[in-house]
Amino acid sequence: MNNNINNIIINDTTLRDGEQTAGIVFPVNEKLLIAKMLDEIGVNEIEAGMPVMGGDEKKAVKEINESGLKAKIVGWNRAKPEDIYASLDIGLKFIHVSVPVSQIHIEYKLKKDFRYVKANLISILKILNKEGVKYSVGGEDSSRADLESVIEIIKIAEGEGAYKFRYSDTVGILNPLKIYENIKMIKSGGKFKNILLEIHTHNDLGMASANSVAALKAGVDSLSGSVSGIGERAGNCALEEVIAYFNFIENRKIKFDFIKAKNLAKIIAKITGRRIQVSKPIFGRNIFYHEAGIHTDGILKNPINYEAYPPEYVGAKRKLLAGKHSGSSVIKYKLNKMGLQITDEDARNMLAAVKAESVKLKRCLSNKELFVLYQNLKVNMKI
């Protein structure tokens, strides 16, 4: 187990990879608002955008960098001089340089060879060394590259002075067992001493968070992801999911304000017009709603029976529902809370009517509907 998990670096890419979600645009004022909230949440690094895009993007990154936040403000760059100088031009002190490392990307995207990638990276990093800024190097498509190539790029990055290397599962093809194995092999094969490792995963097969957990347990030092997991295609690793696992399940104390993160997720959802799914882990509205009879009975006896962590940890509330799948215990509980001291027998006698009404409505009953049903049954002497 990675004993440094409590002190991992949290790198948030909501404003860069998150905004690269097809159809999402954050104007300058919104990017600044999001950056300030990320800072309050407790992220260590904010990947603010790509200055080389110019216009509003360059202006936004500049304003974020000059806004006095505690987090390090990072500009994302290709390994091209024009990208680097665009970042330097607005005074960035932390710069990320991304290079393709898989044969697929080198051959089909760059139309170059691996020797070119290495030589070009060295020339770019020498520019950064001359300027005296701190920089990280990202291995684009690391998960489809051979490990020897990845290790070679990390060695170049470490030798030139990079403080961190990003291992990227760019198209989200890995599984937790494989990513754990890869990170272990990279660490043992490279024997790196002066460079940190970061994990950056995508969710194309629904495993971004699990893959990030596995990489952290294998020993990476930094987690890259976004709030709610927004990002290209199926999205990025959702930071809150990974950090919640370590904080709530393994009792590792990673600094992260879940309440503020949830508020930010709601703001982003409003800005983008993309609602948070009601069953979304950590932030979903319904994740502490219980209807099934076995579950509600267990919750009433002790919430730990069916909840992995308390709802107040993430600013949520527990809700017990009466519907088709309910048992009598929740009916008694809900009516008692309304001030109606009904018996176990009364609740059992109501159960069939509650189920029938729920089937008719195709949903659970509201408290008012449950109360009216009780009153009608009482009048008709059925309870």
Protein backbone atom coordinates (compact mmCIF):
# COMPACT_ATOMS: atom_id res chain seq x y z
CA MET A 1 0.00 0.00 0.00
CA ASN A 2 1.12 3.53 -0.78
CA ASN A 3 1.72 5.13 2.61
CA ASN A 4 1.85 8.58 0.98
CA ILE A 5 -1.82 8.52 -0.07
CA ASN A 6 -2.72 10.97 2.71
CA ASN A 7 -0.38 13.50 1.07
CA ILE A 8 -1.17 12.96 -2.60
CA ILE A 9 -1.17 15.91 -4.97
CA ILE A 10 -4.64 16.63 -6.34
CA ASN A 11 -4.41 17.98 -9.88
CA ASP A 12 -7.76 19.26 -11.14
CA THR A 13 -8.31 19.40 -14.88
CA THR A 14 -11.95 20.58 -14.90
CA LEU A 15 -10.95 23.80 -16.68
CA ARG A 16 -8.83 22.05 -19.30
CA ASP A 17 -9.86 18.46 -20.00
CA GLY A 18 -13.29 19.08 -18.50
CA GLU A 19 -13.93 22.00 -20.84
CA GLN A 20 -12.81 19.81 -23.75
CA THR A 21 -16.07 17.91 -23.31
CA ALA A 22 -17.85 18.29 -26.65
CA GLY A 23 -20.19 21.28 -26.43
CA ILE A 24 -18.92 22.78 -23.15
CA VAL A 25 -17.55 26.33 -22.99
CA PHE A 26 -16.52 28.24 -19.87
CA PRO A 27 -16.23 32.02 -20.48
CA VAL A 28 -13.55 33.95 -18.60
CA ASN A 29 -15.73 34.85 -15.60
CA GLU A 30 -16.93 31.27 -15.20
CA LYS A 31 -13.41 29.86 -15.41
CA LEU A 32 -12.30 32.29 -12.72
CA LEU A 33 -15.25 31.37 -10.49
CA ILE A 34 -14.58 27.65 -10.90
CA ALA A 35 -10.86 28.13 -10.17
CA LYS A 36 -11.61 30.02 -6.96
CA MET A 37 -13.99 27.30 -5.80
CA LEU A 38 -11.47 24.57 -6.66
CA ASP A 39 -8.97 26.41 -4.50
CA GLU A 40 -11.44 26.44 -1.60
CA ILE A 41 -12.12 22.72 -2.06
CA GLY A 42 -8.45 22.03 -1.44
CA VAL A 43 -6.97 20.95 -4.78
CA ASN A 44 -3.21 21.45 -5.02
CA GLU A 45 -2.92 22.17 -8.74
CA ILE A 46 -5.42 23.72 -11.14
CA GLU A 47 -4.85 22.92 -14.79
CA ALA A 48 -6.38 26.16 -15.99
CA GLY A 49 -6.31 25.71 -19.76
CA MET A 50 -4.23 26.02 -22.94
CA PRO A 51 -2.79 29.53 -23.38
CA VAL A 52 -1.74 28.85 -26.99
CA MET A 53 -5.44 28.96 -27.93
CA GLY A 54 -5.21 32.72 -27.42
CA GLY A 55 -8.23 35.00 -27.02
CA ASP A 56 -10.50 34.37 -24.03
CA GLU A 57 -8.66 31.16 -23.14
CA LYS A 58 -5.31 32.90 -22.72
CA LYS A 59 -6.97 35.78 -20.88
CA ALA A 60 -8.74 33.38 -18.47
CA VAL A 61 -5.58 31.46 -17.62
CA LYS A 62 -3.74 34.76 -17.06
CA GLU A 63 -6.46 36.08 -14.72
CA ILE A 64 -6.58 32.83 -12.78
CA ASN A 65 -2.80 32.88 -12.42
CA GLU A 66 -2.92 36.44 -11.10
CA SER A 67 -5.86 35.92 -8.72
CA GLY A 68 -3.75 34.98 -5.69
CA LEU A 69 -4.99 31.41 -5.22
CA LYS A 70 -3.13 28.97 -2.99
CA ALA A 71 -3.17 26.22 -5.63
CA LYS A 72 -0.48 26.06 -8.29
CA ILE A 73 -1.86 27.31 -11.62
CA VAL A 74 -0.75 25.10 -14.49
CA GLY A 75 -0.91 25.72 -18.23
CA TRP A 76 -1.27 22.69 -20.52
CA ASN A 77 0.98 22.59 -23.60
CA ARG A 78 1.97 20.45 -26.51
CA ALA A 79 5.70 19.99 -26.95
CA LYS A 80 5.85 22.93 -29.32
CA PRO A 81 7.70 26.24 -28.87
CA GLU A 82 4.61 28.30 -29.69
CA ASP A 83 2.69 26.59 -26.86
CA ILE A 84 5.51 27.11 -24.39
CA TYR A 85 5.99 30.77 -25.21
CA ALA A 86 2.24 31.41 -24.97
CA SER A 87 2.34 30.05 -21.40
CA LEU A 88 5.49 31.97 -20.52
CA ASP A 89 4.04 35.13 -22.01
CA ILE A 90 1.32 35.30 -19.33
CA GLY A 91 3.71 34.61 -16.47
CA LEU A 92 2.89 30.98 -15.65
CA LYS A 93 5.36 29.41 -13.23
CA PHE A 94 4.01 25.86 -13.64
CA ILE A 95 3.83 24.34 -17.08
CA HIS A 96 2.69 20.92 -18.26
CA VAL A 97 4.14 19.50 -21.47
CA SER A 98 2.36 16.59 -23.15
CA VAL A 99 4.08 14.23 -25.59
CA PRO A 100 2.69 11.16 -27.37
CA VAL A 101 4.41 7.99 -26.19
CA SER A 102 2.48 5.19 -27.90
CA GLN A 103 3.44 3.94 -31.34
CA ILE A 104 -0.16 4.58 -32.42
CA HIS A 105 0.02 8.30 -31.64
CA ILE A 106 3.61 8.73 -32.81
CA GLU A 107 2.97 7.08 -36.17
CA TYR A 108 -0.60 8.08 -36.98
CA LYS A 109 -0.93 11.46 -35.26
CA LEU A 110 2.58 12.95 -35.28
CA LYS A 111 3.74 11.00 -38.33
CA LYS A 112 7.18 10.91 -36.74
CA ASP A 113 9.28 8.33 -34.89
CA PHE A 114 10.24 7.83 -31.25
CA ARG A 115 13.68 9.40 -31.76
CA TYR A 116 11.99 12.62 -32.85
CA VAL A 117 9.72 12.59 -29.77
CA LYS A 118 12.71 12.26 -27.43
CA ALA A 119 14.84 14.88 -29.16
CA ASN A 120 11.97 17.33 -29.41
CA LEU A 121 11.06 16.87 -25.74
CA ILE A 122 14.63 17.59 -24.68
CA SER A 123 14.72 20.79 -26.76
CA ILE A 124 11.42 21.98 -25.23
CA LEU A 125 12.51 21.22 -21.67
CA LYS A 126 15.74 23.13 -22.22
CA ILE A 127 13.65 26.21 -23.04
CA LEU A 128 11.79 25.78 -19.75
CA ASN A 129 15.03 25.26 -17.83
CA LYS A 130 16.39 28.47 -19.30
CA GLU A 131 13.24 30.32 -18.16
CA GLY A 132 13.50 28.90 -14.65
CA VAL A 133 9.91 27.61 -14.37
CA LYS A 134 8.69 24.34 -12.84
CA TYR A 135 7.27 21.82 -15.25
CA SER A 136 5.71 18.39 -15.54
CA VAL A 137 5.70 16.01 -18.50
CA GLY A 138 2.69 14.00 -19.63
CA GLY A 139 2.89 10.76 -21.56
CA GLU A 140 -0.13 10.89 -23.85
CA ASP A 141 -1.55 7.42 -24.52
CA SER A 142 0.82 5.84 -21.97
CA SER A 143 -1.55 2.91 -21.57
CA ARG A 144 -1.03 1.81 -25.18
CA ALA A 145 2.73 2.40 -25.14
CA ASP A 146 5.31 -0.24 -24.26
CA LEU A 147 6.63 0.27 -20.76
CA GLU A 148 10.22 0.65 -21.93
CA SER A 149 9.24 3.71 -23.97
CA VAL A 150 7.34 5.21 -21.03
CA ILE A 151 10.32 4.65 -18.72
CA GLU A 152 12.66 6.21 -21.27
CA ILE A 153 10.52 9.36 -21.47
CA ILE A 154 10.31 9.58 -17.67
CA LYS A 155 14.10 9.30 -17.44
CA ILE A 156 14.49 12.15 -19.92
CA ALA A 157 11.98 14.24 -17.97
CA GLU A 158 13.72 13.50 -14.66
CA GLY A 159 17.14 14.16 -16.14
CA GLU A 160 16.11 17.57 -17.44
CA GLY A 161 14.46 18.54 -14.17
CA ALA A 162 10.72 17.83 -14.43
CA TYR A 163 9.07 17.50 -11.03
CA LYS A 164 6.34 15.15 -12.19
CA PHE A 165 5.40 12.69 -14.95
CA ARG A 166 1.77 11.99 -15.89
CA TYR A 167 0.84 8.45 -16.88
CA SER A 168 -2.24 8.88 -19.08
CA ASP A 169 -4.83 6.26 -19.92
CA THR A 170 -5.91 8.54 -22.73
CA VAL A 171 -8.63 6.35 -24.26
CA GLY A 172 -9.65 4.58 -21.07
CA ILE A 173 -8.68 1.02 -22.01
CA LEU A 174 -7.03 -0.22 -18.82
CA ASN A 175 -8.45 -2.14 -15.89
CA PRO A 176 -7.38 -1.81 -12.23
CA LEU A 177 -5.28 -4.98 -12.22
CA LYS A 178 -3.36 -3.95 -15.34
CA ILE A 179 -2.78 -0.36 -14.28
CA TYR A 180 -1.55 -1.51 -10.87
CA GLU A 181 0.88 -3.88 -12.58
CA ASN A 182 2.08 -1.21 -15.03
CA ILE A 183 2.77 1.37 -12.31
CA LYS A 184 4.64 -1.19 -10.22
CA MET A 185 6.77 -2.17 -13.21
CA ILE A 186 7.51 1.46 -14.10
CA LYS A 187 8.56 2.26 -10.54
CA SER A 188 10.76 -0.83 -10.21
CA GLY A 189 12.18 -0.57 -13.72
CA GLY A 190 12.97 3.14 -13.59
CA LYS A 191 14.16 3.49 -10.00
CA PHE A 192 13.26 7.17 -10.15
CA LYS A 193 14.42 9.38 -7.28
CA ASN A 194 13.67 12.96 -8.25
CA ILE A 195 10.36 12.83 -10.12
CA LEU A 196 6.82 12.20 -8.97
CA LEU A 197 4.32 10.02 -10.83
CA GLU A 198 0.77 11.13 -11.58
CA ILE A 199 -2.21 9.12 -12.84
CA HIS A 200 -4.65 10.55 -15.39
CA THR A 201 -7.48 8.24 -16.47
CA HIS A 202 -10.48 8.40 -18.81
CA ASN A 203 -13.82 6.68 -18.32
CA ASP A 204 -14.52 5.12 -21.72
CA LEU A 205 -15.17 1.71 -20.15
CA GLY A 206 -16.43 3.01 -16.81
CA MET A 207 -13.23 2.29 -14.88
CA ALA A 208 -11.54 5.69 -14.55
CA SER A 209 -12.04 5.99 -10.79
CA ALA A 210 -11.18 2.35 -10.10
CA ASN A 211 -8.06 2.66 -12.26
CA SER A 212 -6.98 5.77 -10.36
CA VAL A 213 -7.49 4.01 -7.01
CA ALA A 214 -5.36 1.11 -8.25
CA ALA A 215 -2.61 3.43 -9.47
CA LEU A 216 -2.51 5.27 -6.13
CA LYS A 217 -2.29 1.97 -4.27
CA ALA A 218 0.56 1.00 -6.60
CA GLY A 219 2.48 4.09 -5.52
CA VAL A 220 1.76 7.10 -7.73
CA ASP A 221 2.06 10.43 -5.97
CA SER A 222 -0.51 12.55 -7.75
CA LEU A 223 -4.12 12.21 -8.92
CA SER A 224 -5.41 14.04 -12.00
CA GLY A 225 -9.15 14.28 -12.61
CA SER A 226 -12.15 16.59 -12.73
CA VAL A 227 -15.18 17.48 -10.64
CA SER A 228 -18.01 15.07 -11.48
CA GLY A 229 -15.67 13.41 -13.98
CA ILE A 230 -16.51 15.78 -16.85
CA GLY A 231 -14.21 15.40 -19.81
CA GLU A 232 -13.87 14.20 -23.36
CA ARG A 233 -16.04 11.32 -24.60
CA ALA A 234 -17.14 9.37 -21.48
CA GLY A 235 -15.27 11.74 -19.19
CA ASN A 236 -12.31 11.78 -16.81
CA CYS A 237 -11.75 10.27 -13.42
CA ALA A 238 -14.16 11.90 -10.95
CA LEU A 239 -11.91 13.29 -8.22
CA GLU A 240 -14.62 13.07 -5.56
CA GLU A 241 -15.11 9.33 -6.14
CA VAL A 242 -11.46 8.42 -5.69
CA ILE A 243 -10.92 10.68 -2.70
CA ALA A 244 -14.17 9.51 -1.08
CA TYR A 245 -12.99 5.92 -1.33
CA PHE A 246 -9.74 6.63 0.51
CA ASN A 247 -11.29 9.03 3.05
CA PHE A 248 -14.46 7.11 3.89
CA ILE A 249 -13.48 3.47 3.32
CA GLU A 250 -9.74 3.34 4.09
CA ASN A 251 -9.86 6.24 6.56
CA ARG A 252 -7.03 8.07 4.79
CA LYS A 253 -7.17 11.78 5.48
CA ILE A 254 -6.87 13.44 2.09
CA LYS A 255 -7.76 17.13 2.32
CA PHE A 256 -10.86 17.72 0.20
CA ASP A 257 -14.06 19.63 0.99
CA PHE A 258 -16.88 17.42 -0.34
CA ILE A 259 -19.62 19.90 0.52
CA LYS A 260 -18.00 22.69 -1.50
CA ALA A 261 -17.15 20.23 -4.28
CA LYS A 262 -20.81 19.23 -4.48
CA ASN A 263 -21.83 22.88 -4.68
CA LEU A 264 -19.34 23.38 -7.49
CA ALA A 265 -20.67 20.30 -9.30
CA LYS A 266 -24.16 21.85 -9.16
CA ILE A 267 -22.84 25.15 -10.52
CA ILE A 268 -21.05 23.37 -13.37
CA ALA A 269 -24.21 21.39 -14.12
CA LYS A 270 -26.17 24.64 -14.34
CA ILE A 271 -23.55 26.36 -16.48
CA THR A 272 -23.31 23.45 -18.91
CA GLY A 273 -26.97 22.47 -18.90
CA ARG A 274 -26.01 18.91 -18.03
CA ARG A 275 -27.76 17.66 -14.92
CA ILE A 276 -26.02 15.53 -12.33
CA GLN A 277 -27.47 12.02 -12.63
CA VAL A 278 -29.66 11.25 -9.61
CA SER A 279 -27.68 8.06 -8.97
CA LYS A 280 -24.25 9.63 -9.56
CA PRO A 281 -21.80 8.37 -6.91
CA ILE A 282 -21.07 10.93 -4.18
CA PHE A 283 -23.07 13.81 -5.70
CA GLY A 284 -26.30 12.17 -6.92
CA ARG A 285 -29.56 13.38 -5.34
CA ASN A 286 -30.94 9.88 -4.74
CA ILE A 287 -27.94 7.95 -3.48
CA PHE A 288 -29.26 7.89 0.09
CA TYR A 289 -32.89 7.18 -0.88
CA HIS A 290 -34.18 3.79 0.31
CA GLU A 291 -37.39 2.03 -0.73
CA ALA A 292 -36.92 -1.76 -0.67
CA GLY A 293 -38.40 -3.30 2.47
CA ILE A 294 -35.28 -5.23 3.45
CA HIS A 295 -33.19 -2.09 3.07
CA THR A 296 -35.46 0.33 4.88
CA ASP A 297 -35.87 -2.12 7.77
CA GLY A 298 -32.09 -2.43 7.94
CA ILE A 299 -31.60 1.33 7.81
CA LEU A 300 -34.09 1.86 10.62
CA LYS A 301 -32.17 -0.61 12.77
CA ASN A 302 -28.78 0.87 11.90
CA PRO A 303 -27.85 2.88 8.76
CA ILE A 304 -24.52 1.07 8.54
CA ASN A 305 -26.46 -1.96 7.26
CA TYR A 306 -26.95 -0.39 3.82
CA GLU A 307 -24.81 2.75 3.67
CA ALA A 308 -21.07 2.72 3.02
CA TYR A 309 -20.64 6.12 4.68
CA PRO A 310 -22.95 8.68 6.33
CA PRO A 311 -24.83 11.07 4.01
CA GLU A 312 -23.70 14.15 5.96
CA TYR A 313 -20.14 13.53 4.76
CA VAL A 314 -21.19 14.72 1.31
CA GLY A 315 -23.96 17.13 2.23
CA ALA A 316 -26.75 14.66 1.48
CA LYS A 317 -29.85 13.57 3.41
CA ARG A 318 -31.25 10.11 4.00
CA LYS A 319 -34.77 9.55 2.72
CA LEU A 320 -36.98 6.49 3.35
CA LEU A 321 -39.69 5.96 0.73
CA ALA A 322 -43.00 4.10 0.73
CA GLY A 323 -43.72 2.33 -2.54
CA LYS A 324 -44.14 -0.95 -4.40
CA HIS A 325 -41.04 -2.51 -2.82
CA SER A 326 -41.59 -1.26 0.72
CA GLY A 327 -42.14 -3.22 3.90
CA SER A 328 -44.45 -2.42 6.79
CA SER A 329 -41.69 -1.01 9.02
CA VAL A 330 -41.20 2.07 6.82
CA ILE A 331 -44.96 2.71 6.74
CA LYS A 332 -45.09 2.69 10.53
CA TYR A 333 -41.96 4.86 10.74
CA LYS A 334 -43.23 7.50 8.32
CA LEU A 335 -46.72 7.75 9.82
CA ASN A 336 -45.32 7.86 13.35
CA LYS A 337 -43.13 10.80 12.27
CA MET A 338 -46.34 12.53 11.15
CA GLY A 339 -47.71 12.09 14.66
CA LEU A 340 -49.91 9.06 13.91
CA GLN A 341 -49.02 6.36 16.43
CA ILE A 342 -50.05 3.34 14.40
CA THR A 343 -49.29 -0.24 15.40
CA ASP A 344 -47.28 -2.91 13.61
CA GLU A 345 -50.56 -4.60 12.69
CA ASP A 346 -51.95 -1.37 11.21
CA ALA A 347 -48.81 -0.97 9.11
CA ARG A 348 -49.04 -4.56 7.86
CA ASN A 349 -52.68 -4.04 6.95
CA MET A 350 -51.77 -0.93 4.96
CA LEU A 351 -48.99 -2.57 3.00
CA ALA A 352 -51.04 -4.02 0.15
CA ALA A 353 -52.83 -0.70 -0.40
CA VAL A 354 -49.51 1.20 -0.43
CA LYS A 355 -48.08 -1.21 -3.01
CA ALA A 356 -51.19 -0.99 -5.19
CA GLU A 357 -51.20 2.81 -5.08
CA SER A 358 -47.50 2.91 -5.98
CA VAL A 359 -48.07 0.63 -8.99
CA LYS A 360 -50.95 2.85 -10.13
CA LEU A 361 -48.87 6.03 -9.78
CA LYS A 362 -45.69 4.34 -11.11
CA ARG A 363 -43.69 5.95 -8.31
CA CYS A 364 -43.35 6.11 -4.55
CA LEU A 365 -45.98 7.86 -2.45
CA SER A 366 -45.42 11.32 -1.06
CA ASN A 367 -45.94 11.83 2.67
CA LYS A 368 -49.24 13.58 1.94
CA GLU A 369 -50.45 10.69 -0.22
CA LEU A 370 -49.47 8.18 2.44
CA PHE A 371 -51.37 10.20 5.06
CA VAL A 372 -54.50 10.40 2.86
CA LEU A 373 -54.34 6.67 2.19
CA TYR A 374 -54.14 6.00 5.90
CA GLN A 375 -57.13 8.24 6.58
CA ASN A 376 -59.21 6.56 3.82
CA LEU A 377 -58.37 3.09 5.07
CA LYS A 378 -59.21 4.13 8.60
CA VAL A 379 -62.59 5.52 7.56
CA ASN A 380 -63.37 2.29 5.69
CA MET A 381 -62.37 0.31 8.81
CA LYS A 382 -59.66 -1.56 6.92
CA ILE A 383 -57.14 -0.72 9.65
